[in-house]
Amino acid sequence: MITARSRSAVLAAACVAVFAAGCGAESDSGSGGTGSEVADETAAQEAPAEVEGVQNFYGEHADYPTAMAAIDGGEVTAEDLEHPWVVQQDHVDASANWDGTLPSYQTTPPAGGNHLSIWQTCTGTVYDGPIVDANAVHSMEHGAVWLTYDPELVDEAQIASLAEKIEGRDYSLMSPYPGQGVAVSLQSWGNQYRTEDPADPNIDAYLDAYILNEAYNPEPNATCAGGNLALAE
């Protein structure tokens, strides 16, 4: 279950999901949000300067539009990219041959790649237990930033302080990630920032720079409401 801190946000998201037809199930094929998936475009933010220390997985192509333009123009194939998963957006559970095996990822936590067809609700939602990677990856495809922390490396006061940065902030979510090996990690599609300091000012800077950043997210403004709310089993 999610924390009480995020309960009001969840209830609001549920109301939106009931009111907006199709909000509870996605109809896109991983190549762009459609219909009720598309939120108010005025929510998009202009990205400030890059945050120092962020690992960008797009390599020489720098961002998502540049990588896709190179692929569409025949300059490279997806497999030629240093990290092909930055352009891999299949819904693994949409295949008739899917056997229930979840995708594996090259980064911990993941920062993109094939995923499940339902996103994790990311309306400033703070989860009090681990969530399924493949749902959270879908949230990042929509433009969300996923903040994770290693519960062995942070204390309760630090968790509460991190939660305050996420609660009520649309296109963000937070959950514990046991074994990630660093106190705090922030990931959005194709980018990641890791820090040993839960009070690192770059945490706020990353949220400001990468939430709904159209340079990196395949489907910015696709909804964060009406998704999965369950914790990992």
Protein backbone atom coordinates (compact mmCIF):
# COMPACT_ATOMS: atom_id res chain seq x y z
CA MET A 1 0.00 0.00 0.00
CA ILE A 2 1.04 3.60 -0.38
CA THR A 3 1.73 5.98 2.46
CA ALA A 4 -0.91 8.12 4.06
CA ARG A 5 0.96 11.15 2.84
CA SER A 6 0.04 10.37 -0.75
CA ARG A 7 -3.49 9.14 -0.07
CA SER A 8 -5.18 12.42 -1.01
CA ALA A 9 -3.27 12.53 -4.27
CA VAL A 10 -4.32 8.96 -5.04
CA LEU A 11 -7.97 9.73 -4.34
CA ALA A 12 -7.78 12.73 -6.64
CA ALA A 13 -6.15 10.63 -9.32
CA ALA A 14 -8.85 8.00 -8.94
CA CYS A 15 -11.55 10.62 -9.43
CA VAL A 16 -9.84 11.81 -12.58
CA ALA A 17 -9.55 8.24 -13.80
CA VAL A 18 -13.27 7.63 -13.28
CA PHE A 19 -14.21 10.86 -15.01
CA ALA A 20 -11.86 10.48 -17.99
CA ALA A 21 -12.79 7.58 -20.25
CA GLY A 22 -9.94 5.22 -20.91
CA CYS A 23 -7.75 6.57 -18.16
CA GLY A 24 -7.42 3.24 -16.40
CA ALA A 25 -6.09 1.33 -19.40
CA GLU A 26 -3.65 2.47 -22.03
CA SER A 27 -4.25 2.09 -25.75
CA ASP A 28 -0.93 3.28 -27.14
CA SER A 29 1.56 0.89 -28.70
CA GLY A 30 4.57 2.52 -27.11
CA SER A 31 5.12 5.08 -29.84
CA GLY A 32 3.12 8.04 -28.55
CA GLY A 33 0.27 8.89 -26.20
CA THR A 34 -3.22 9.19 -27.61
CA GLY A 35 -6.70 10.18 -26.48
CA SER A 36 -7.15 10.38 -22.73
CA GLU A 37 -3.44 9.58 -22.21
CA VAL A 38 -2.50 13.09 -23.27
CA ALA A 39 -2.55 15.63 -20.46
CA ASP A 40 -2.70 19.41 -20.71
CA GLU A 41 0.33 20.43 -22.74
CA THR A 42 0.72 23.57 -20.65
CA ALA A 43 2.06 21.29 -17.92
CA ALA A 44 5.28 20.76 -19.85
CA GLN A 45 8.28 22.58 -18.44
CA GLU A 46 11.19 24.18 -20.19
CA ALA A 47 14.26 22.28 -19.08
CA PRO A 48 16.85 24.32 -17.20
CA ALA A 49 20.56 23.71 -17.58
CA GLU A 50 21.79 20.16 -17.33
CA VAL A 51 22.45 18.86 -13.83
CA GLU A 52 26.08 18.04 -13.13
CA GLY A 53 26.73 14.37 -12.51
CA VAL A 54 23.79 12.98 -14.48
CA GLN A 55 24.53 9.90 -16.56
CA ASN A 56 23.02 10.28 -20.01
CA PHE A 57 22.47 6.95 -21.79
CA TYR A 58 21.84 8.39 -25.27
CA GLY A 59 25.55 8.49 -26.03
CA GLU A 60 26.67 10.48 -29.04
CA HIS A 61 23.04 11.12 -30.05
CA ALA A 62 22.47 13.14 -26.85
CA ASP A 63 18.69 12.87 -26.59
CA TYR A 64 15.62 10.96 -27.71
CA PRO A 65 14.63 13.05 -30.78
CA THR A 66 18.20 12.99 -32.08
CA ALA A 67 18.49 9.24 -31.63
CA MET A 68 15.16 8.61 -33.33
CA ALA A 69 16.01 10.96 -36.20
CA ALA A 70 19.25 9.06 -36.80
CA ILE A 71 17.36 5.76 -36.82
CA ASP A 72 14.53 7.04 -39.03
CA GLY A 73 17.08 8.58 -41.41
CA GLY A 74 18.91 5.29 -41.79
CA GLU A 75 22.15 6.57 -40.25
CA VAL A 76 22.09 3.91 -37.53
CA THR A 77 19.91 1.10 -36.29
CA ALA A 78 18.66 0.85 -32.72
CA GLU A 79 21.17 -1.95 -32.14
CA ASP A 80 24.01 0.42 -33.10
CA LEU A 81 23.28 2.67 -30.14
CA GLU A 82 25.49 2.36 -27.07
CA HIS A 83 22.36 1.64 -25.03
CA PRO A 84 19.68 0.34 -27.44
CA TRP A 85 17.06 0.26 -24.67
CA VAL A 86 16.65 4.06 -24.83
CA VAL A 87 14.49 3.50 -27.93
CA GLN A 88 12.94 0.17 -26.92
CA GLN A 89 9.33 0.80 -25.92
CA ASP A 90 7.47 -2.46 -26.47
CA HIS A 91 4.73 -3.58 -24.09
CA VAL A 92 5.94 -7.08 -23.30
CA ASP A 93 2.55 -8.22 -21.99
CA ALA A 94 0.84 -7.25 -25.27
CA SER A 95 2.44 -10.16 -27.08
CA ALA A 96 0.26 -13.22 -27.60
CA ASN A 97 3.30 -15.32 -26.72
CA TRP A 98 4.12 -13.55 -23.45
CA ASP A 99 4.81 -16.11 -20.73
CA GLY A 100 4.70 -13.68 -17.82
CA THR A 101 8.45 -13.06 -17.69
CA LEU A 102 9.21 -9.44 -16.81
CA PRO A 103 11.86 -7.49 -18.72
CA SER A 104 15.40 -7.40 -17.38
CA TYR A 105 17.26 -4.09 -17.33
CA GLN A 106 20.86 -3.02 -17.68
CA THR A 107 20.75 -0.33 -14.99
CA THR A 108 19.68 -0.54 -11.36
CA PRO A 109 17.12 0.91 -11.03
CA PRO A 110 16.18 0.93 -14.72
CA ALA A 111 15.97 4.16 -16.72
CA GLY A 112 14.10 2.97 -19.81
CA GLY A 113 13.39 0.00 -22.04
CA ASN A 114 10.55 -2.40 -22.81
CA HIS A 115 7.92 -2.48 -20.09
CA LEU A 116 4.41 -3.45 -19.04
CA SER A 117 1.36 -1.90 -20.68
CA ILE A 118 0.14 -0.23 -17.47
CA TRP A 119 2.22 2.54 -15.95
CA GLN A 120 2.72 3.05 -12.21
CA THR A 121 0.60 5.93 -10.96
CA CYS A 122 2.99 8.88 -10.77
CA THR A 123 0.94 11.84 -9.58
CA GLY A 124 3.40 12.76 -6.84
CA THR A 125 2.87 9.32 -5.33
CA VAL A 126 5.02 8.01 -2.48
CA TYR A 127 5.00 4.21 -2.16
CA ASP A 128 6.03 2.61 1.12
CA GLY A 129 7.30 -0.59 -0.52
CA PRO A 130 9.08 -1.64 -3.72
CA ILE A 131 7.15 -1.43 -6.97
CA VAL A 132 7.52 -3.40 -10.20
CA ASP A 133 10.31 -2.03 -12.38
CA ALA A 134 8.39 -2.57 -15.61
CA ASN A 135 5.46 -0.43 -14.41
CA ALA A 136 7.75 2.36 -13.26
CA VAL A 137 9.62 2.32 -16.57
CA HIS A 138 6.32 2.99 -18.32
CA SER A 139 5.81 5.99 -16.01
CA MET A 140 9.17 7.37 -17.09
CA GLU A 141 8.15 6.93 -20.73
CA HIS A 142 5.31 9.35 -19.94
CA GLY A 143 7.75 11.97 -18.64
CA ALA A 144 7.94 11.07 -14.95
CA VAL A 145 10.96 11.06 -12.65
CA TRP A 146 11.24 8.05 -10.34
CA LEU A 147 13.05 8.69 -7.04
CA THR A 148 14.30 5.56 -5.31
CA TYR A 149 16.19 5.09 -2.06
CA ASP A 150 18.01 2.22 -0.41
CA PRO A 151 16.27 1.65 2.94
CA GLU A 152 19.54 0.36 4.40
CA LEU A 153 21.31 3.65 3.65
CA VAL A 154 18.78 6.29 4.73
CA ASP A 155 16.92 6.89 7.97
CA GLU A 156 13.25 7.69 8.57
CA ALA A 157 13.83 11.45 8.77
CA GLN A 158 15.65 11.41 5.45
CA ILE A 159 12.88 9.35 3.83
CA ALA A 160 10.31 11.87 5.08
CA SER A 161 12.36 14.75 3.67
CA LEU A 162 12.63 13.04 0.29
CA ALA A 163 8.89 12.33 0.30
CA GLU A 164 8.17 16.04 0.72
CA LYS A 165 9.88 16.67 -2.62
CA ILE A 166 7.57 14.20 -4.38
CA GLU A 167 4.17 14.43 -2.68
CA GLY A 168 1.64 16.23 -4.83
CA ARG A 169 4.11 16.86 -7.67
CA ASP A 170 2.63 15.46 -10.85
CA TYR A 171 4.84 13.26 -13.01
CA SER A 172 6.89 12.00 -10.10
CA LEU A 173 6.91 8.94 -7.88
CA MET A 174 9.05 7.53 -5.07
CA SER A 175 9.67 4.07 -3.67
CA PRO A 176 12.28 2.10 -1.73
CA TYR A 177 14.67 0.05 -3.83
CA PRO A 178 16.54 -2.40 -1.59
CA GLY A 179 20.03 -3.21 -2.77
CA GLN A 180 20.43 -0.36 -5.23
CA GLY A 181 23.76 0.35 -3.55
CA VAL A 182 23.45 4.11 -3.23
CA ALA A 183 21.37 6.21 -0.84
CA VAL A 184 19.26 7.95 -3.49
CA SER A 185 18.83 7.43 -7.22
CA LEU A 186 16.71 9.49 -9.59
CA GLN A 187 15.86 8.19 -13.03
CA SER A 188 13.94 9.41 -15.99
CA TRP A 189 13.89 7.93 -19.47
CA GLY A 190 17.51 7.72 -20.65
CA ASN A 191 19.04 9.54 -17.68
CA GLN A 192 20.01 8.79 -14.08
CA TYR A 193 21.51 10.62 -11.11
CA ARG A 194 22.86 8.75 -8.09
CA THR A 195 23.96 10.30 -4.80
CA GLU A 196 25.06 9.19 -1.35
CA ASP A 197 23.61 12.37 0.18
CA PRO A 198 19.82 12.42 0.74
CA ALA A 199 20.09 16.20 1.18
CA ASP A 200 21.95 16.69 -2.12
CA PRO A 201 20.60 19.89 -3.76
CA ASN A 202 20.90 18.19 -7.14
CA ILE A 203 17.89 16.07 -6.19
CA ASP A 204 15.66 19.13 -6.54
CA ALA A 205 17.59 20.26 -9.60
CA TYR A 206 17.06 16.88 -11.28
CA LEU A 207 13.32 16.95 -10.60
CA ASP A 208 13.10 20.45 -12.06
CA ALA A 209 15.18 19.56 -15.12
CA TYR A 210 13.86 16.13 -16.08
CA ILE A 211 10.16 16.00 -15.23
CA LEU A 212 8.35 16.32 -18.57
CA ASN A 213 11.59 17.10 -20.36
CA GLU A 214 10.68 16.63 -24.01
CA ALA A 215 14.32 16.21 -25.01
CA TYR A 216 14.45 12.83 -23.30
CA ASN A 217 10.97 11.41 -22.77
CA PRO A 218 9.28 9.48 -25.59
CA GLU A 219 5.72 10.36 -24.50
CA PRO A 220 5.82 13.56 -22.42
CA ASN A 221 2.38 14.61 -21.16
CA ALA A 222 0.86 11.13 -21.45
CA THR A 223 -1.05 10.75 -18.20
CA CYS A 224 0.40 9.71 -14.86
CA ALA A 225 -3.04 9.14 -13.33
CA GLY A 226 -5.12 5.96 -13.47
CA GLY A 227 -2.20 3.56 -13.50
CA ASN A 228 -1.08 0.74 -11.26
CA LEU A 229 -1.05 1.39 -7.50
CA ALA A 230 0.04 -2.03 -6.30
CA LEU A 231 3.37 -2.81 -4.74
CA ALA A 232 5.67 -5.54 -6.03
CA GLU A 233 4.86 -8.99 -4.67
